[in-house]
Amino acid sequence: MKKFIFVLYLLLSLPLVNTAFAETSTTSAAIQPVAININVADADSIADALKGIGMKKAEAIVAFREANGPFMTLNEITLVKGIGEKTLEANREYIKLK
């Protein structure tokens, strides 16, 4: 009889456990990326913050900035070798210049 009550208790508590898990997993998915200033950020930070930008492209952004001065418009990032319009559009809302 004790086993039956224990099993019944477990079965009745399962929906509560699943609901609680679903609520906690949705809150972690709601974290929004933060915009990054490509005129001052280092290559590691750029690579971490932007989609489709690995370390090699992030280093190219920093090298371009050091050689040519700060980016004045978002479109100037497409002058960096390996970064095109698609990459810019994927990251437009996450890039700051000031």
C-alpha atoms as a PDB file:
ATOM      1  CA  MET A   1       0.000   0.000   0.000  1.00  0.00           C
ATOM      2  CA  LYS A   2       2.865   2.394   0.778  1.00  0.00           C
ATOM      3  CA  LYS A   3       4.393   1.737  -2.649  1.00  0.00           C
ATOM      4  CA  PHE A   4       1.066   2.491  -4.329  1.00  0.00           C
ATOM      5  CA  ILE A   5       0.705   5.805  -2.506  1.00  0.00           C
ATOM      6  CA  PHE A   6       4.306   6.723  -3.304  1.00  0.00           C
ATOM      7  CA  VAL A   7       3.853   5.920  -7.028  1.00  0.00           C
ATOM      8  CA  LEU A   8       0.577   7.839  -7.083  1.00  0.00           C
ATOM      9  CA  TYR A   9       2.302  10.819  -5.457  1.00  0.00           C
ATOM     10  CA  LEU A  10       5.085  10.720  -8.073  1.00  0.00           C
ATOM     11  CA  LEU A  11       2.642  10.533 -10.948  1.00  0.00           C
ATOM     12  CA  LEU A  12       0.613  13.444  -9.628  1.00  0.00           C
ATOM     13  CA  SER A  13       3.708  15.611  -9.149  1.00  0.00           C
ATOM     14  CA  LEU A  14       5.147  15.093 -12.653  1.00  0.00           C
ATOM     15  CA  PRO A  15       3.077  17.813 -14.368  1.00  0.00           C
ATOM     16  CA  LEU A  16       4.184  20.296 -11.716  1.00  0.00           C
ATOM     17  CA  VAL A  17       7.844  19.462 -12.263  1.00  0.00           C
ATOM     18  CA  ASN A  18       7.529  19.769 -16.052  1.00  0.00           C
ATOM     19  CA  THR A  19       5.751  23.112 -15.798  1.00  0.00           C
ATOM     20  CA  ALA A  20       8.380  24.527 -13.461  1.00  0.00           C
ATOM     21  CA  PHE A  21      11.178  23.373 -15.770  1.00  0.00           C
ATOM     22  CA  ALA A  22       9.517  24.916 -18.824  1.00  0.00           C
ATOM     23  CA  GLU A  23       9.200  28.280 -17.081  1.00  0.00           C
ATOM     24  CA  THR A  24      12.857  28.420 -16.078  1.00  0.00           C
ATOM     25  CA  SER A  25      14.093  27.381 -19.511  1.00  0.00           C
ATOM     26  CA  THR A  26      12.140  30.133 -21.279  1.00  0.00           C
ATOM     27  CA  THR A  27      13.561  32.868 -19.076  1.00  0.00           C
ATOM     28  CA  SER A  28      17.146  31.984 -20.005  1.00  0.00           C
ATOM     29  CA  ALA A  29      16.272  32.062 -23.721  1.00  0.00           C
ATOM     30  CA  ALA A  30      15.033  35.655 -23.411  1.00  0.00           C
ATOM     31  CA  ILE A  31      18.536  37.120 -22.974  1.00  0.00           C
ATOM     32  CA  GLN A  32      19.200  39.700 -25.677  1.00  0.00           C
ATOM     33  CA  PRO A  33      22.627  40.355 -27.201  1.00  0.00           C
ATOM     34  CA  VAL A  34      24.264  43.649 -26.294  1.00  0.00           C
ATOM     35  CA  ALA A  35      25.474  46.122 -28.924  1.00  0.00           C
ATOM     36  CA  ILE A  36      29.238  46.533 -29.214  1.00  0.00           C
ATOM     37  CA  ASN A  37      31.244  49.600 -30.186  1.00  0.00           C
ATOM     38  CA  ILE A  38      33.512  48.394 -32.989  1.00  0.00           C
ATOM     39  CA  ASN A  39      35.571  51.578 -32.759  1.00  0.00           C
ATOM     40  CA  VAL A  40      36.945  50.682 -29.322  1.00  0.00           C
ATOM     41  CA  ALA A  41      36.339  46.939 -28.808  1.00  0.00           C
ATOM     42  CA  ASP A  42      39.118  44.391 -29.050  1.00  0.00           C
ATOM     43  CA  ALA A  43      38.990  41.431 -31.447  1.00  0.00           C
ATOM     44  CA  ASP A  44      37.863  38.951 -28.774  1.00  0.00           C
ATOM     45  CA  SER A  45      34.875  41.097 -27.836  1.00  0.00           C
ATOM     46  CA  ILE A  46      33.888  41.663 -31.458  1.00  0.00           C
ATOM     47  CA  ALA A  47      34.087  37.948 -32.264  1.00  0.00           C
ATOM     48  CA  ASP A  48      31.960  37.099 -29.228  1.00  0.00           C
ATOM     49  CA  ALA A  49      29.310  39.741 -29.877  1.00  0.00           C
ATOM     50  CA  LEU A  50      28.670  39.529 -33.617  1.00  0.00           C
ATOM     51  CA  LYS A  51      27.074  36.773 -35.685  1.00  0.00           C
ATOM     52  CA  GLY A  52      29.223  35.299 -38.444  1.00  0.00           C
ATOM     53  CA  ILE A  53      32.331  37.110 -37.194  1.00  0.00           C
ATOM     54  CA  GLY A  54      35.049  34.778 -36.012  1.00  0.00           C
ATOM     55  CA  MET A  55      38.408  35.731 -34.609  1.00  0.00           C
ATOM     56  CA  LYS A  56      40.038  36.220 -38.038  1.00  0.00           C
ATOM     57  CA  LYS A  57      37.381  38.694 -39.226  1.00  0.00           C
ATOM     58  CA  ALA A  58      37.333  40.431 -35.844  1.00  0.00           C
ATOM     59  CA  GLU A  59      41.099  40.913 -36.082  1.00  0.00           C
ATOM     60  CA  ALA A  60      40.600  42.291 -39.612  1.00  0.00           C
ATOM     61  CA  ILE A  61      38.070  44.823 -38.247  1.00  0.00           C
ATOM     62  CA  VAL A  62      40.544  45.978 -35.599  1.00  0.00           C
ATOM     63  CA  ALA A  63      43.414  46.157 -38.135  1.00  0.00           C
ATOM     64  CA  PHE A  64      41.256  48.156 -40.568  1.00  0.00           C
ATOM     65  CA  ARG A  65      40.256  50.543 -37.785  1.00  0.00           C
ATOM     66  CA  GLU A  66      43.878  51.024 -36.711  1.00  0.00           C
ATOM     67  CA  ALA A  67      44.998  51.683 -40.303  1.00  0.00           C
ATOM     68  CA  ASN A  68      42.107  53.929 -41.371  1.00  0.00           C
ATOM     69  CA  GLY A  69      40.728  55.465 -38.209  1.00  0.00           C
ATOM     70  CA  PRO A  70      37.348  54.897 -36.604  1.00  0.00           C
ATOM     71  CA  PHE A  71      34.345  53.747 -38.603  1.00  0.00           C
ATOM     72  CA  MET A  72      32.135  56.741 -39.348  1.00  0.00           C
ATOM     73  CA  THR A  73      29.153  54.790 -40.774  1.00  0.00           C
ATOM     74  CA  LEU A  74      27.946  51.216 -40.379  1.00  0.00           C
ATOM     75  CA  ASN A  75      28.364  50.600 -44.099  1.00  0.00           C
ATOM     76  CA  GLU A  76      32.127  51.186 -43.833  1.00  0.00           C
ATOM     77  CA  ILE A  77      32.486  47.805 -42.141  1.00  0.00           C
ATOM     78  CA  THR A  78      31.871  46.212 -45.549  1.00  0.00           C
ATOM     79  CA  LEU A  79      35.232  47.669 -46.630  1.00  0.00           C
ATOM     80  CA  VAL A  80      36.877  45.083 -44.352  1.00  0.00           C
ATOM     81  CA  LYS A  81      37.876  42.037 -46.374  1.00  0.00           C
ATOM     82  CA  GLY A  82      35.492  39.147 -45.735  1.00  0.00           C
ATOM     83  CA  ILE A  83      32.612  41.245 -44.437  1.00  0.00           C
ATOM     84  CA  GLY A  84      29.744  41.856 -46.816  1.00  0.00           C
ATOM     85  CA  GLU A  85      26.210  43.186 -46.801  1.00  0.00           C
ATOM     86  CA  LYS A  86      24.732  39.959 -45.389  1.00  0.00           C
ATOM     87  CA  THR A  87      27.034  40.044 -42.384  1.00  0.00           C
ATOM     88  CA  LEU A  88      26.298  43.729 -41.838  1.00  0.00           C
ATOM     89  CA  GLU A  89      22.537  43.173 -42.013  1.00  0.00           C
ATOM     90  CA  ALA A  90      22.737  40.248 -39.579  1.00  0.00           C
ATOM     91  CA  ASN A  91      24.537  42.481 -37.077  1.00  0.00           C
ATOM     92  CA  ARG A  92      23.268  45.990 -37.808  1.00  0.00           C
ATOM     93  CA  GLU A  93      21.359  46.320 -34.533  1.00  0.00           C
ATOM     94  CA  TYR A  94      24.320  45.025 -32.497  1.00  0.00           C
ATOM     95  CA  ILE A  95      26.996  47.405 -33.841  1.00  0.00           C
ATOM     96  CA  LYS A  96      27.618  50.819 -32.273  1.00  0.00           C
ATOM     97  CA  LEU A  97      30.059  53.432 -33.514  1.00  0.00           C
ATOM     98  CA  LYS A  98      30.057  55.738 -30.462  1.00  0.00           C
END
